[in-house]
């Protein structure tokens, strides 16, 4: 029994070490790629939200692009309630473009409202079935509820549509890590690193 332990135990730490390293790399790449496309990965978690509805009401006027820029600034300052209320006001006007839906989904994710984020990303993917960002973020939220079939379906399209994307392969790495396919996960981490070597 002692010799059996000696042959088995050295393998366990190596495997345990490899998986967390892959996971951290995949998560880091996913959030960095999201930030590069205008997401919330690098937001500062400081600052306190005031009354979101009241602040948003004062920003309803003006072009949609101005409202989205304001929402991104609020998100970057981690004033999530205000950003959420502002984006909700934009959506209430009937706006359903991909950029608005994806940004609103990111804010919902930061607010830990996974179901709302999934709905918004799904709407974005439905509006633009080949949008890599919407598909990748939808897949990421589906992984959170272990909908592997749905996540895989969206990831296949995202990976095919933009081979240069760093976001899609980093989410694919998370998918394969959750499925226990560590070699495939590592290959997608490499692909994401190649797409975003910074």
C-alpha atoms as a PDB file:
ATOM      1  CA  UNK A   1       0.000   0.000   0.000  1.00  0.00           C
ATOM      2  CA  UNK A   2       2.849   2.366   0.761  1.00  0.00           C
ATOM      3  CA  UNK A   3       4.403   1.821  -2.690  1.00  0.00           C
ATOM      4  CA  UNK A   4       1.000   2.337  -4.325  1.00  0.00           C
ATOM      5  CA  UNK A   5       0.707   5.711  -2.631  1.00  0.00           C
ATOM      6  CA  UNK A   6       4.140   6.684  -3.840  1.00  0.00           C
ATOM      7  CA  UNK A   7       3.226   5.984  -7.444  1.00  0.00           C
ATOM      8  CA  UNK A   8      -0.169   7.695  -7.335  1.00  0.00           C
ATOM      9  CA  UNK A   9       0.218  10.792  -5.184  1.00  0.00           C
ATOM     10  CA  UNK A  10       2.858  12.628  -7.252  1.00  0.00           C
ATOM     11  CA  UNK A  11       0.378  12.786 -10.142  1.00  0.00           C
ATOM     12  CA  UNK A  12      -2.383  14.421  -8.142  1.00  0.00           C
ATOM     13  CA  UNK A  13      -0.718  17.749  -7.275  1.00  0.00           C
ATOM     14  CA  UNK A  14       0.454  18.191 -10.873  1.00  0.00           C
ATOM     15  CA  UNK A  15      -3.054  17.683 -12.208  1.00  0.00           C
ATOM     16  CA  UNK A  16      -4.576  19.913  -9.571  1.00  0.00           C
ATOM     17  CA  UNK A  17      -2.057  22.616 -10.337  1.00  0.00           C
ATOM     18  CA  UNK A  18      -2.645  22.424 -14.110  1.00  0.00           C
ATOM     19  CA  UNK A  19      -6.419  22.877 -13.919  1.00  0.00           C
ATOM     20  CA  UNK A  20      -6.431  26.035 -11.748  1.00  0.00           C
ATOM     21  CA  UNK A  21      -3.700  27.566 -13.909  1.00  0.00           C
ATOM     22  CA  UNK A  22      -5.720  26.868 -17.059  1.00  0.00           C
ATOM     23  CA  UNK A  23      -8.848  28.183 -15.396  1.00  0.00           C
ATOM     24  CA  UNK A  24      -7.175  31.401 -14.305  1.00  0.00           C
ATOM     25  CA  UNK A  25      -5.677  31.895 -17.765  1.00  0.00           C
ATOM     26  CA  UNK A  26      -9.001  31.269 -19.480  1.00  0.00           C
ATOM     27  CA  UNK A  27     -10.862  33.620 -17.133  1.00  0.00           C
ATOM     28  CA  UNK A  28      -8.198  36.294 -17.443  1.00  0.00           C
ATOM     29  CA  UNK A  29      -8.234  36.072 -21.229  1.00  0.00           C
ATOM     30  CA  UNK A  30     -12.025  36.106 -21.373  1.00  0.00           C
ATOM     31  CA  UNK A  31     -12.284  39.241 -19.265  1.00  0.00           C
ATOM     32  CA  UNK A  32      -9.366  40.943 -21.009  1.00  0.00           C
ATOM     33  CA  UNK A  33     -10.907  40.239 -24.425  1.00  0.00           C
ATOM     34  CA  UNK A  34     -14.250  41.503 -23.166  1.00  0.00           C
ATOM     35  CA  UNK A  35     -12.614  44.694 -21.900  1.00  0.00           C
ATOM     36  CA  UNK A  36     -10.890  45.217 -25.236  1.00  0.00           C
ATOM     37  CA  UNK A  37     -14.269  45.181 -26.949  1.00  0.00           C
ATOM     38  CA  UNK A  38     -15.676  47.777 -24.567  1.00  0.00           C
ATOM     39  CA  UNK A  39     -16.747  45.522 -21.724  1.00  0.00           C
ATOM     40  CA  UNK A  40     -16.505  45.726 -17.988  1.00  0.00           C
ATOM     41  CA  UNK A  41     -13.563  43.470 -17.270  1.00  0.00           C
ATOM     42  CA  UNK A  42     -11.269  46.126 -15.911  1.00  0.00           C
ATOM     43  CA  UNK A  43     -13.761  48.186 -13.966  1.00  0.00           C
ATOM     44  CA  UNK A  44     -12.737  49.650 -10.659  1.00  0.00           C
ATOM     45  CA  UNK A  45     -14.907  48.289  -7.887  1.00  0.00           C
ATOM     46  CA  UNK A  46     -15.024  51.583  -6.065  1.00  0.00           C
ATOM     47  CA  UNK A  47     -17.652  54.233  -5.834  1.00  0.00           C
ATOM     48  CA  UNK A  48     -21.202  53.945  -4.582  1.00  0.00           C
ATOM     49  CA  UNK A  49     -24.278  54.002  -6.743  1.00  0.00           C
ATOM     50  CA  UNK A  50     -26.794  56.719  -6.122  1.00  0.00           C
ATOM     51  CA  UNK A  51     -30.453  56.402  -7.053  1.00  0.00           C
ATOM     52  CA  UNK A  52     -30.142  54.779 -10.460  1.00  0.00           C
ATOM     53  CA  UNK A  53     -33.604  55.657 -11.708  1.00  0.00           C
ATOM     54  CA  UNK A  54     -33.234  59.311 -10.748  1.00  0.00           C
ATOM     55  CA  UNK A  55     -29.839  59.690 -12.405  1.00  0.00           C
ATOM     56  CA  UNK A  56     -30.921  57.804 -15.520  1.00  0.00           C
ATOM     57  CA  UNK A  57     -33.976  60.011 -15.920  1.00  0.00           C
ATOM     58  CA  UNK A  58     -31.732  63.031 -16.362  1.00  0.00           C
ATOM     59  CA  UNK A  59     -29.891  61.322 -19.229  1.00  0.00           C
ATOM     60  CA  UNK A  60     -32.812  60.041 -21.280  1.00  0.00           C
ATOM     61  CA  UNK A  61     -32.557  62.887 -23.818  1.00  0.00           C
ATOM     62  CA  UNK A  62     -29.878  62.872 -26.482  1.00  0.00           C
ATOM     63  CA  UNK A  63     -28.736  60.401 -29.128  1.00  0.00           C
ATOM     64  CA  UNK A  64     -28.421  56.716 -28.323  1.00  0.00           C
ATOM     65  CA  UNK A  65     -24.629  56.842 -28.717  1.00  0.00           C
ATOM     66  CA  UNK A  66     -24.399  59.484 -25.978  1.00  0.00           C
ATOM     67  CA  UNK A  67     -26.485  57.339 -23.646  1.00  0.00           C
ATOM     68  CA  UNK A  68     -24.339  54.274 -24.327  1.00  0.00           C
ATOM     69  CA  UNK A  69     -21.149  56.245 -23.699  1.00  0.00           C
ATOM     70  CA  UNK A  70     -22.645  57.487 -20.425  1.00  0.00           C
ATOM     71  CA  UNK A  71     -23.626  53.928 -19.439  1.00  0.00           C
ATOM     72  CA  UNK A  72     -20.076  52.708 -20.161  1.00  0.00           C
ATOM     73  CA  UNK A  73     -18.646  55.473 -17.986  1.00  0.00           C
ATOM     74  CA  UNK A  74     -21.023  54.576 -15.157  1.00  0.00           C
ATOM     75  CA  UNK A  75     -20.029  50.933 -15.559  1.00  0.00           C
ATOM     76  CA  UNK A  76     -16.329  51.813 -15.506  1.00  0.00           C
ATOM     77  CA  UNK A  77     -16.944  53.709 -12.260  1.00  0.00           C
ATOM     78  CA  UNK A  78     -18.855  50.680 -10.980  1.00  0.00           C
ATOM     79  CA  UNK A  79     -22.025  52.731 -10.562  1.00  0.00           C
ATOM     80  CA  UNK A  80     -24.044  49.739 -11.616  1.00  0.00           C
ATOM     81  CA  UNK A  81     -27.530  50.769 -10.555  1.00  0.00           C
ATOM     82  CA  UNK A  82     -27.257  54.007 -12.484  1.00  0.00           C
ATOM     83  CA  UNK A  83     -25.856  52.261 -15.556  1.00  0.00           C
ATOM     84  CA  UNK A  84     -28.598  49.645 -15.368  1.00  0.00           C
ATOM     85  CA  UNK A  85     -31.357  52.236 -15.045  1.00  0.00           C
ATOM     86  CA  UNK A  86     -29.968  54.252 -17.937  1.00  0.00           C
ATOM     87  CA  UNK A  87     -29.776  51.220 -20.221  1.00  0.00           C
ATOM     88  CA  UNK A  88     -33.270  50.176 -19.169  1.00  0.00           C
ATOM     89  CA  UNK A  89     -34.523  53.618 -20.165  1.00  0.00           C
ATOM     90  CA  UNK A  90     -32.887  53.152 -23.575  1.00  0.00           C
ATOM     91  CA  UNK A  91     -34.415  49.691 -23.974  1.00  0.00           C
ATOM     92  CA  UNK A  92     -37.824  51.020 -22.935  1.00  0.00           C
ATOM     93  CA  UNK A  93     -37.808  53.212 -26.043  1.00  0.00           C
ATOM     94  CA  UNK A  94     -37.893  50.050 -28.141  1.00  0.00           C
ATOM     95  CA  UNK A  95     -34.197  50.034 -29.006  1.00  0.00           C
ATOM     96  CA  UNK A  96     -33.007  46.494 -29.691  1.00  0.00           C
ATOM     97  CA  UNK A  97     -29.647  46.924 -31.414  1.00  0.00           C
ATOM     98  CA  UNK A  98     -26.855  44.499 -30.570  1.00  0.00           C
ATOM     99  CA  UNK A  99     -24.561  47.089 -28.972  1.00  0.00           C
ATOM    100  CA  UNK A 100     -27.219  48.200 -26.492  1.00  0.00           C
ATOM    101  CA  UNK A 101     -28.341  44.655 -25.671  1.00  0.00           C
ATOM    102  CA  UNK A 102     -24.796  43.421 -25.064  1.00  0.00           C
ATOM    103  CA  UNK A 103     -23.903  46.387 -22.851  1.00  0.00           C
ATOM    104  CA  UNK A 104     -27.123  45.926 -20.874  1.00  0.00           C
ATOM    105  CA  UNK A 105     -26.278  42.238 -20.492  1.00  0.00           C
ATOM    106  CA  UNK A 106     -22.832  43.047 -19.146  1.00  0.00           C
ATOM    107  CA  UNK A 107     -24.317  45.353 -16.565  1.00  0.00           C
ATOM    108  CA  UNK A 108     -26.781  42.647 -15.505  1.00  0.00           C
ATOM    109  CA  UNK A 109     -23.868  40.209 -15.157  1.00  0.00           C
ATOM    110  CA  UNK A 110     -22.039  42.661 -12.911  1.00  0.00           C
ATOM    111  CA  UNK A 111     -25.224  42.935 -10.849  1.00  0.00           C
ATOM    112  CA  UNK A 112     -25.213  39.116 -10.578  1.00  0.00           C
ATOM    113  CA  UNK A 113     -28.505  38.881 -12.470  1.00  0.00           C
ATOM    114  CA  UNK A 114     -27.611  35.898 -14.635  1.00  0.00           C
ATOM    115  CA  UNK A 115     -31.109  35.211 -16.020  1.00  0.00           C
ATOM    116  CA  UNK A 116     -31.520  38.814 -17.206  1.00  0.00           C
ATOM    117  CA  UNK A 117     -28.032  38.805 -18.735  1.00  0.00           C
ATOM    118  CA  UNK A 118     -28.792  35.585 -20.605  1.00  0.00           C
ATOM    119  CA  UNK A 119     -32.039  37.010 -21.955  1.00  0.00           C
ATOM    120  CA  UNK A 120     -30.304  40.156 -23.193  1.00  0.00           C
ATOM    121  CA  UNK A 121     -27.432  38.234 -24.794  1.00  0.00           C
ATOM    122  CA  UNK A 122     -29.934  35.853 -26.389  1.00  0.00           C
ATOM    123  CA  UNK A 123     -31.825  38.822 -27.839  1.00  0.00           C
ATOM    124  CA  UNK A 124     -28.556  40.235 -29.172  1.00  0.00           C
ATOM    125  CA  UNK A 125     -27.617  36.900 -30.744  1.00  0.00           C
ATOM    126  CA  UNK A 126     -31.069  36.625 -32.265  1.00  0.00           C
ATOM    127  CA  UNK A 127     -30.769  40.127 -33.727  1.00  0.00           C
ATOM    128  CA  UNK A 128     -27.286  39.370 -35.098  1.00  0.00           C
ATOM    129  CA  UNK A 129     -26.779  35.582 -35.348  1.00  0.00           C
ATOM    130  CA  UNK A 130     -23.134  35.984 -36.383  1.00  0.00           C
ATOM    131  CA  UNK A 131     -22.072  38.550 -33.766  1.00  0.00           C
ATOM    132  CA  UNK A 132     -19.087  36.941 -32.048  1.00  0.00           C
ATOM    133  CA  UNK A 133     -19.283  39.049 -28.907  1.00  0.00           C
ATOM    134  CA  UNK A 134     -22.980  38.359 -28.301  1.00  0.00           C
ATOM    135  CA  UNK A 135     -22.565  34.641 -29.010  1.00  0.00           C
ATOM    136  CA  UNK A 136     -19.502  34.308 -26.773  1.00  0.00           C
ATOM    137  CA  UNK A 137     -21.056  36.143 -23.843  1.00  0.00           C
ATOM    138  CA  UNK A 138     -24.284  34.170 -24.214  1.00  0.00           C
ATOM    139  CA  UNK A 139     -22.252  30.960 -24.178  1.00  0.00           C
ATOM    140  CA  UNK A 140     -20.435  32.100 -21.039  1.00  0.00           C
ATOM    141  CA  UNK A 141     -23.701  32.701 -19.184  1.00  0.00           C
ATOM    142  CA  UNK A 142     -25.036  29.331 -20.364  1.00  0.00           C
ATOM    143  CA  UNK A 143     -21.986  27.677 -18.824  1.00  0.00           C
ATOM    144  CA  UNK A 144     -23.087  29.187 -15.527  1.00  0.00           C
ATOM    145  CA  UNK A 145     -26.271  27.113 -15.634  1.00  0.00           C
ATOM    146  CA  UNK A 146     -24.517  24.049 -17.111  1.00  0.00           C
ATOM    147  CA  UNK A 147     -26.323  24.321 -20.446  1.00  0.00           C
ATOM    148  CA  UNK A 148     -23.378  22.803 -22.273  1.00  0.00           C
ATOM    149  CA  UNK A 149     -25.325  21.975 -25.408  1.00  0.00           C
ATOM    150  CA  UNK A 150     -26.485  25.562 -25.844  1.00  0.00           C
ATOM    151  CA  UNK A 151     -23.050  26.967 -25.020  1.00  0.00           C
ATOM    152  CA  UNK A 152     -21.359  24.650 -27.523  1.00  0.00           C
ATOM    153  CA  UNK A 153     -23.811  25.604 -30.267  1.00  0.00           C
ATOM    154  CA  UNK A 154     -23.115  29.327 -29.877  1.00  0.00           C
ATOM    155  CA  UNK A 155     -19.377  28.839 -29.468  1.00  0.00           C
ATOM    156  CA  UNK A 156     -19.137  26.858 -32.703  1.00  0.00           C
ATOM    157  CA  UNK A 157     -20.601  29.801 -34.617  1.00  0.00           C
ATOM    158  CA  UNK A 158     -18.470  32.385 -32.790  1.00  0.00           C
ATOM    159  CA  UNK A 159     -15.247  30.461 -33.382  1.00  0.00           C
ATOM    160  CA  UNK A 160     -16.082  29.999 -37.058  1.00  0.00           C
ATOM    161  CA  UNK A 161     -17.118  33.611 -37.659  1.00  0.00           C
ATOM    162  CA  UNK A 162     -13.988  35.244 -36.261  1.00  0.00           C
ATOM    163  CA  UNK A 163     -10.868  33.059 -36.038  1.00  0.00           C
ATOM    164  CA  UNK A 164      -8.951  36.103 -34.764  1.00  0.00           C
ATOM    165  CA  UNK A 165     -11.225  36.637 -31.755  1.00  0.00           C
ATOM    166  CA  UNK A 166      -9.671  36.284 -28.312  1.00  0.00           C
ATOM    167  CA  UNK A 167     -13.032  36.234 -26.527  1.00  0.00           C
ATOM    168  CA  UNK A 168     -14.535  33.187 -28.266  1.00  0.00           C
ATOM    169  CA  UNK A 169     -11.575  30.818 -27.653  1.00  0.00           C
ATOM    170  CA  UNK A 170     -11.197  31.960 -24.049  1.00  0.00           C
ATOM    171  CA  UNK A 171     -14.857  31.086 -23.404  1.00  0.00           C
ATOM    172  CA  UNK A 172     -14.284  27.821 -25.291  1.00  0.00           C
ATOM    173  CA  UNK A 173     -11.426  27.117 -22.879  1.00  0.00           C
ATOM    174  CA  UNK A 174     -13.813  27.602 -19.949  1.00  0.00           C
ATOM    175  CA  UNK A 175     -16.294  25.265 -21.642  1.00  0.00           C
ATOM    176  CA  UNK A 176     -13.736  22.490 -22.063  1.00  0.00           C
ATOM    177  CA  UNK A 177     -12.421  22.945 -18.531  1.00  0.00           C
ATOM    178  CA  UNK A 178     -15.932  22.448 -17.168  1.00  0.00           C
ATOM    179  CA  UNK A 179     -16.317  19.378 -19.361  1.00  0.00           C
ATOM    180  CA  UNK A 180     -13.014  17.955 -18.140  1.00  0.00           C
ATOM    181  CA  UNK A 181     -11.265  18.249 -21.522  1.00  0.00           C
ATOM    182  CA  UNK A 182      -8.066  19.827 -20.252  1.00  0.00           C
ATOM    183  CA  UNK A 183      -5.998  19.334 -23.396  1.00  0.00           C
ATOM    184  CA  UNK A 184      -8.620  21.028 -25.539  1.00  0.00           C
ATOM    185  CA  UNK A 185      -8.938  23.781 -22.944  1.00  0.00           C
ATOM    186  CA  UNK A 186      -5.181  24.355 -23.135  1.00  0.00           C
ATOM    187  CA  UNK A 187      -5.321  24.558 -26.933  1.00  0.00           C
ATOM    188  CA  UNK A 188      -8.016  27.236 -26.740  1.00  0.00           C
ATOM    189  CA  UNK A 189      -6.009  29.159 -24.163  1.00  0.00           C
ATOM    190  CA  UNK A 190      -3.104  29.100 -26.635  1.00  0.00           C
ATOM    191  CA  UNK A 191      -5.425  30.316 -29.392  1.00  0.00           C
ATOM    192  CA  UNK A 192      -6.707  33.149 -27.231  1.00  0.00           C
ATOM    193  CA  UNK A 193      -3.162  34.136 -26.298  1.00  0.00           C
ATOM    194  CA  UNK A 194      -2.182  34.168 -29.956  1.00  0.00           C
ATOM    195  CA  UNK A 195      -5.128  36.448 -30.729  1.00  0.00           C
ATOM    196  CA  UNK A 196      -4.329  38.733 -27.798  1.00  0.00           C
ATOM    197  CA  UNK A 197      -0.626  38.420 -26.947  1.00  0.00           C
ATOM    198  CA  UNK A 198      -0.506  41.605 -24.845  1.00  0.00           C
END
